[in-house]
């Protein structure tokens, strides 16, 4: 049977998390189909058709799908679910909102945060904040999976030539309605998609110091800004910058941790980064255990020196 990927998109284009999910889907075996459920989402469907490895794009277009409400998207997935052995969602806020609804309606167990496909029915996922890897086997007829995108390489966004098939939009459930959305606009890359991230911890001391010291470094590197939970809880950085088990899972090419001790919850969110640089004056800080490069120094002296050297 075929494998279905639920695309993460903005009705005009496909988001990067979809590309990683397509790679995971290909490892499950069978043809990979992508569902683009939205409103006036022809651009997103066309972009999905270009993804390497995709055999077919299913385009469901309806006003009820325009705002990606979980109830509406889940109804759409359930309307076509019978033809698939695996249904995969990116492990994003949207994916984690819809997948449990689909799994519950299908009366199957959800496989969450999968980082490796061992076989069509066997998967690996992290537990205990990433300190152990569980190998999980499912006997369910349909596997509903959320994919930790940092565990898979992104499929090529071009080179494919999948057919786009229009499917009827599911009727609105009527149990929820879209009220409004407040979007924080920034010239910086989105945290989960950034290739370089500069993060600060509790040692920054204040939001003023956080911005004064780390913003110039991020500007120099063209990086996104992140923060530990301690820094966010202290009010030094906004909530959407939080990296960690209860924040965002990231795996950039370069992760610069400034004044972050390296609590297990934070490490769970960034230890898959390709290169990790840690700046901390505590030689016993756990962050050094995962760092490729460590500098034992006062960040308030070291970071300005680093900026001058770049």
Protein backbone atom coordinates (compact mmCIF):
# COMPACT_ATOMS: atom_id res chain seq x y z
CA UNK A 1 0.00 0.00 0.00
CA UNK A 2 0.95 3.63 -0.36
CA UNK A 3 2.23 6.00 2.32
CA UNK A 4 0.56 9.37 2.97
CA UNK A 5 2.40 12.51 4.10
CA UNK A 6 0.35 15.41 5.45
CA UNK A 7 2.03 18.52 4.09
CA UNK A 8 2.91 21.46 6.28
CA UNK A 9 2.25 24.54 4.16
CA UNK A 10 1.01 28.13 4.10
CA UNK A 11 -1.31 27.66 1.08
CA UNK A 12 1.33 29.20 -1.19
CA UNK A 13 4.40 27.05 -0.53
CA UNK A 14 5.44 23.89 1.28
CA UNK A 15 7.38 24.25 4.54
CA UNK A 16 10.70 22.54 5.10
CA UNK A 17 9.37 20.04 7.64
CA UNK A 18 7.42 18.37 4.83
CA UNK A 19 10.66 17.53 3.00
CA UNK A 20 12.06 15.64 5.99
CA UNK A 21 8.76 13.81 6.43
CA UNK A 22 8.83 12.69 2.79
CA UNK A 23 12.25 11.10 3.42
CA UNK A 24 10.82 9.21 6.41
CA UNK A 25 7.83 8.12 4.33
CA UNK A 26 10.04 6.76 1.56
CA UNK A 27 11.76 4.51 4.13
CA UNK A 28 8.40 2.94 5.03
CA UNK A 29 8.07 1.39 1.57
CA UNK A 30 5.45 1.94 -1.11
CA UNK A 31 4.59 5.00 -3.15
CA UNK A 32 4.69 8.31 -1.32
CA UNK A 33 1.59 10.49 -1.66
CA UNK A 34 1.32 13.99 -0.21
CA UNK A 35 -1.92 15.59 0.97
CA UNK A 36 -2.13 19.36 0.60
CA UNK A 37 -5.27 20.42 2.47
CA UNK A 38 -5.93 24.15 2.32
CA UNK A 39 -7.76 26.97 0.59
CA UNK A 40 -6.50 28.47 -2.67
CA UNK A 41 -3.50 26.23 -2.10
CA UNK A 42 -2.65 25.51 -5.73
CA UNK A 43 0.83 26.95 -5.21
CA UNK A 44 1.53 24.61 -2.32
CA UNK A 45 0.23 21.62 -4.30
CA UNK A 46 2.46 22.52 -7.25
CA UNK A 47 5.45 22.84 -4.94
CA UNK A 48 4.67 19.46 -3.36
CA UNK A 49 4.57 17.87 -6.84
CA UNK A 50 8.17 18.99 -7.37
CA UNK A 51 9.50 17.15 -4.30
CA UNK A 52 11.79 14.29 -5.27
CA UNK A 53 10.34 10.89 -4.45
CA UNK A 54 6.68 11.94 -4.37
CA UNK A 55 4.45 9.83 -6.64
CA UNK A 56 1.19 11.75 -6.25
CA UNK A 57 -0.16 14.92 -4.66
CA UNK A 58 -3.71 15.00 -3.36
CA UNK A 59 -5.06 18.53 -3.35
CA UNK A 60 -8.09 19.19 -1.14
CA UNK A 61 -9.26 22.78 -1.45
CA UNK A 62 -11.98 24.29 0.68
CA UNK A 63 -12.67 27.36 2.79
CA UNK A 64 -12.86 25.23 5.95
CA UNK A 65 -9.26 24.11 5.39
CA UNK A 66 -7.77 27.55 4.87
CA UNK A 67 -6.74 28.11 8.48
CA UNK A 68 -5.51 24.54 9.11
CA UNK A 69 -7.86 23.92 12.04
CA UNK A 70 -7.07 20.52 13.52
CA UNK A 71 -10.66 19.27 13.32
CA UNK A 72 -10.97 20.17 9.64
CA UNK A 73 -7.61 18.70 8.61
CA UNK A 74 -8.25 15.52 10.62
CA UNK A 75 -11.61 15.07 8.86
CA UNK A 76 -9.88 15.47 5.52
CA UNK A 77 -7.21 12.90 6.38
CA UNK A 78 -9.82 10.42 7.61
CA UNK A 79 -11.79 10.80 4.36
CA UNK A 80 -8.88 9.29 2.39
CA UNK A 81 -7.13 7.23 5.07
CA UNK A 82 -8.44 3.85 3.94
CA UNK A 83 -6.02 3.67 1.04
CA UNK A 84 -2.86 3.97 3.13
CA UNK A 85 -0.72 1.76 5.35
CA UNK A 86 1.14 4.69 6.95
CA UNK A 87 0.05 8.29 7.60
CA UNK A 88 2.92 10.61 8.50
CA UNK A 89 2.85 14.10 9.99
CA UNK A 90 5.79 16.39 10.75
CA UNK A 91 6.26 16.62 14.51
CA UNK A 92 5.40 20.32 14.49
CA UNK A 93 2.72 22.19 16.41
CA UNK A 94 0.26 21.56 13.58
CA UNK A 95 1.23 17.94 13.07
CA UNK A 96 1.04 17.14 16.77
CA UNK A 97 -2.40 18.79 16.87
CA UNK A 98 -3.91 16.73 14.06
CA UNK A 99 -2.22 13.31 14.35
CA UNK A 100 -3.75 12.24 17.70
CA UNK A 101 -7.24 13.02 16.39
CA UNK A 102 -6.63 10.83 13.34
CA UNK A 103 -5.15 8.00 15.43
CA UNK A 104 -8.06 8.09 17.87
CA UNK A 105 -10.67 7.99 15.10
CA UNK A 106 -8.85 5.06 13.45
CA UNK A 107 -8.54 3.36 16.86
CA UNK A 108 -4.78 2.85 16.50
CA UNK A 109 -1.78 3.79 18.63
CA UNK A 110 0.13 6.86 17.52
CA UNK A 111 3.89 6.52 17.03
CA UNK A 112 5.33 9.85 18.18
CA UNK A 113 8.60 11.62 17.35
CA UNK A 114 9.98 8.84 15.16
CA UNK A 115 13.66 9.39 14.35
CA UNK A 116 14.37 6.23 12.33
CA UNK A 117 12.40 3.78 10.22
CA UNK A 118 13.80 0.30 10.84
CA UNK A 119 11.18 -1.47 8.73
CA UNK A 120 7.58 -0.98 7.66
CA UNK A 121 6.33 -1.85 11.16
CA UNK A 122 9.33 -1.01 13.37
CA UNK A 123 10.54 2.44 14.34
CA UNK A 124 12.92 4.20 16.71
CA UNK A 125 11.96 7.14 18.90
CA UNK A 126 13.73 8.96 21.76
CA UNK A 127 12.55 8.61 25.35
CA UNK A 128 13.77 10.05 28.66
CA UNK A 129 14.66 13.38 27.00
CA UNK A 130 16.69 11.59 24.36
CA UNK A 131 18.85 9.61 26.81
CA UNK A 132 17.45 6.32 25.51
CA UNK A 133 16.10 5.18 22.17
CA UNK A 134 13.03 2.96 22.14
CA UNK A 135 12.47 0.53 19.29
CA UNK A 136 8.72 0.25 18.78
CA UNK A 137 6.90 -2.31 16.66
CA UNK A 138 3.29 -1.72 15.62
CA UNK A 139 0.80 -4.37 14.51
CA UNK A 140 -1.85 -1.78 13.63
CA UNK A 141 -3.20 -1.94 10.09
CA UNK A 142 -2.56 1.81 9.72
CA UNK A 143 0.47 3.42 11.32
CA UNK A 144 -0.13 7.03 12.35
CA UNK A 145 3.29 8.62 12.84
CA UNK A 146 4.71 11.99 13.80
CA UNK A 147 8.21 12.47 12.45
CA UNK A 148 10.95 14.30 14.35
CA UNK A 149 12.26 16.12 11.32
CA UNK A 150 15.79 16.54 12.70
CA UNK A 151 16.19 12.76 12.41
CA UNK A 152 15.85 12.71 8.61
CA UNK A 153 17.55 14.52 5.76
CA UNK A 154 15.31 16.76 3.70
CA UNK A 155 14.14 15.42 0.36
CA UNK A 156 15.10 17.54 -2.64
CA UNK A 157 12.52 20.28 -3.14
CA UNK A 158 12.85 20.00 -6.93
CA UNK A 159 13.36 17.26 -9.45
CA UNK A 160 10.05 15.49 -8.94
CA UNK A 161 7.13 15.45 -11.34
CA UNK A 162 4.20 14.03 -9.40
CA UNK A 163 0.67 14.17 -10.71
CA UNK A 164 -1.69 16.47 -8.80
CA UNK A 165 -5.09 14.93 -8.14
CA UNK A 166 -7.99 16.99 -6.79
CA UNK A 167 -9.99 15.39 -3.99
CA UNK A 168 -13.23 16.64 -2.48
CA UNK A 169 -12.79 18.82 0.59
CA UNK A 170 -14.31 17.30 3.71
CA UNK A 171 -17.29 19.09 5.18
CA UNK A 172 -16.57 21.50 8.02
CA UNK A 173 -16.90 19.85 11.42
CA UNK A 174 -18.40 22.99 12.96
CA UNK A 175 -16.82 22.31 16.34
CA UNK A 176 -14.29 25.11 16.13
CA UNK A 177 -13.84 28.37 14.29
CA UNK A 178 -10.88 30.54 13.43
CA UNK A 179 -10.83 33.80 15.38
CA UNK A 180 -7.49 35.41 14.61
CA UNK A 181 -3.77 34.97 14.41
CA UNK A 182 -0.96 37.17 15.73
CA UNK A 183 2.25 36.55 13.85
CA UNK A 184 5.58 37.76 15.18
CA UNK A 185 7.47 39.15 12.21
CA UNK A 186 11.24 38.97 12.11
CA UNK A 187 13.99 39.44 9.56
CA UNK A 188 15.76 36.45 11.09
CA UNK A 189 15.36 32.87 9.87
CA UNK A 190 12.66 30.76 11.51
CA UNK A 191 14.21 28.96 14.48
CA UNK A 192 13.39 25.40 13.41
CA UNK A 193 14.59 26.01 9.84
CA UNK A 194 17.71 28.10 10.59
CA UNK A 195 21.13 26.82 9.56
CA UNK A 196 22.82 28.80 12.34
CA UNK A 197 21.41 29.46 15.81
CA UNK A 198 22.83 31.60 18.61
CA UNK A 199 21.29 30.75 21.99
CA UNK A 200 21.55 32.33 25.40
CA UNK A 201 20.89 31.01 28.88
CA UNK A 202 20.20 32.22 32.40
CA UNK A 203 23.75 33.60 32.64
CA UNK A 204 22.74 36.44 30.29
CA UNK A 205 21.28 38.13 33.39
CA UNK A 206 18.65 40.31 31.71
CA UNK A 207 16.79 40.82 28.47
CA UNK A 208 18.88 43.95 27.86
CA UNK A 209 22.13 42.00 28.13
CA UNK A 210 20.64 39.20 26.02
CA UNK A 211 19.97 41.62 23.16
CA UNK A 212 23.11 43.70 23.70
CA UNK A 213 25.50 40.72 23.59
CA UNK A 214 23.86 38.10 21.38
CA UNK A 215 22.05 40.17 18.75
CA UNK A 216 25.29 41.50 17.17
CA UNK A 217 26.67 37.93 17.00
CA UNK A 218 23.48 36.66 15.38
CA UNK A 219 23.60 39.58 12.92
CA UNK A 220 27.18 38.73 11.99
CA UNK A 221 26.37 35.07 11.41
CA UNK A 222 22.94 35.56 9.82
CA UNK A 223 21.60 33.39 12.61
CA UNK A 224 18.32 32.84 14.40
CA UNK A 225 18.19 33.59 18.11
CA UNK A 226 17.29 30.89 20.64
CA UNK A 227 17.18 30.56 24.40
CA UNK A 228 17.13 27.99 27.17
CA UNK A 229 14.00 27.46 29.22
CA UNK A 230 15.63 29.19 32.18
CA UNK A 231 16.23 32.31 30.09
CA UNK A 232 12.66 32.28 28.81
CA UNK A 233 11.19 31.72 32.28
CA UNK A 234 13.27 34.62 33.58
CA UNK A 235 11.84 36.88 30.88
CA UNK A 236 15.13 37.38 29.03
CA UNK A 237 13.73 36.04 25.74
CA UNK A 238 10.28 35.39 24.23
CA UNK A 239 8.67 31.98 24.54
CA UNK A 240 8.95 31.17 20.83
CA UNK A 241 12.75 31.26 21.11
CA UNK A 242 12.84 28.38 23.58
CA UNK A 243 14.93 25.40 22.51
CA UNK A 244 14.52 22.10 24.32
CA UNK A 245 12.24 19.26 25.20
CA UNK A 246 9.39 21.65 26.03
CA UNK A 247 10.39 24.11 23.33
CA UNK A 248 11.58 23.64 19.76
CA UNK A 249 13.70 20.76 18.50
CA UNK A 250 16.46 22.10 16.24
CA UNK A 251 19.36 20.65 14.29
CA UNK A 252 21.18 23.50 12.54
CA UNK A 253 24.57 23.33 10.89
CA UNK A 254 25.97 25.49 13.72
CA UNK A 255 24.62 25.97 17.25
CA UNK A 256 26.33 28.52 19.49
CA UNK A 257 25.36 28.15 23.16
CA UNK A 258 26.26 31.17 25.30
CA UNK A 259 25.90 30.93 29.07
CA UNK A 260 23.82 27.73 28.80
CA UNK A 261 24.69 25.11 31.40
CA UNK A 262 23.18 22.28 29.38
CA UNK A 263 20.28 20.86 31.37
CA UNK A 264 19.03 17.57 29.96
CA UNK A 265 15.85 19.20 28.66
CA UNK A 266 17.84 21.71 26.62
CA UNK A 267 20.26 19.12 25.27
CA UNK A 268 17.30 17.05 24.06
CA UNK A 269 16.34 19.92 21.77
CA UNK A 270 19.69 20.70 20.14
CA UNK A 271 22.21 17.85 20.49
CA UNK A 272 21.61 16.73 16.89
CA UNK A 273 23.14 19.99 15.64
CA UNK A 274 26.00 19.35 13.22
CA UNK A 275 28.51 21.58 15.05
CA UNK A 276 27.99 22.79 18.64
CA UNK A 277 30.02 25.64 20.12
CA UNK A 278 29.69 26.26 23.87
CA UNK A 279 30.84 29.37 25.75
CA UNK A 280 30.59 29.01 29.52
CA UNK A 281 32.81 29.96 32.46
CA UNK A 282 31.89 26.77 34.38
CA UNK A 283 34.24 23.97 33.30
CA UNK A 284 31.80 21.38 34.70
CA UNK A 285 28.84 22.61 32.64
CA UNK A 286 27.10 19.64 30.97
CA UNK A 287 26.94 21.54 27.68
CA UNK A 288 30.63 20.78 27.17
CA UNK A 289 29.85 17.05 27.00
CA UNK A 290 28.04 17.52 23.68
CA UNK A 291 30.03 20.48 22.33
CA UNK A 292 32.40 20.07 19.38
CA UNK A 293 34.17 23.24 20.46
CA UNK A 294 34.14 24.58 24.02
CA UNK A 295 35.42 27.88 25.34
CA UNK A 296 35.75 28.23 29.11
CA UNK A 297 35.37 31.97 29.44
CA UNK A 298 33.13 34.83 30.56
CA UNK A 299 30.67 35.20 27.70
CA UNK A 300 30.44 38.97 28.22
CA UNK A 301 34.12 39.22 27.27
CA UNK A 302 34.34 36.30 24.83
CA UNK A 303 31.34 37.09 22.61
CA UNK A 304 32.41 40.68 21.77
CA UNK A 305 35.90 39.35 20.97
CA UNK A 306 34.36 36.72 18.72
CA UNK A 307 32.28 39.37 16.95
CA UNK A 308 35.37 41.50 16.34
CA UNK A 309 37.22 38.51 14.94
CA UNK A 310 34.47 37.59 12.47
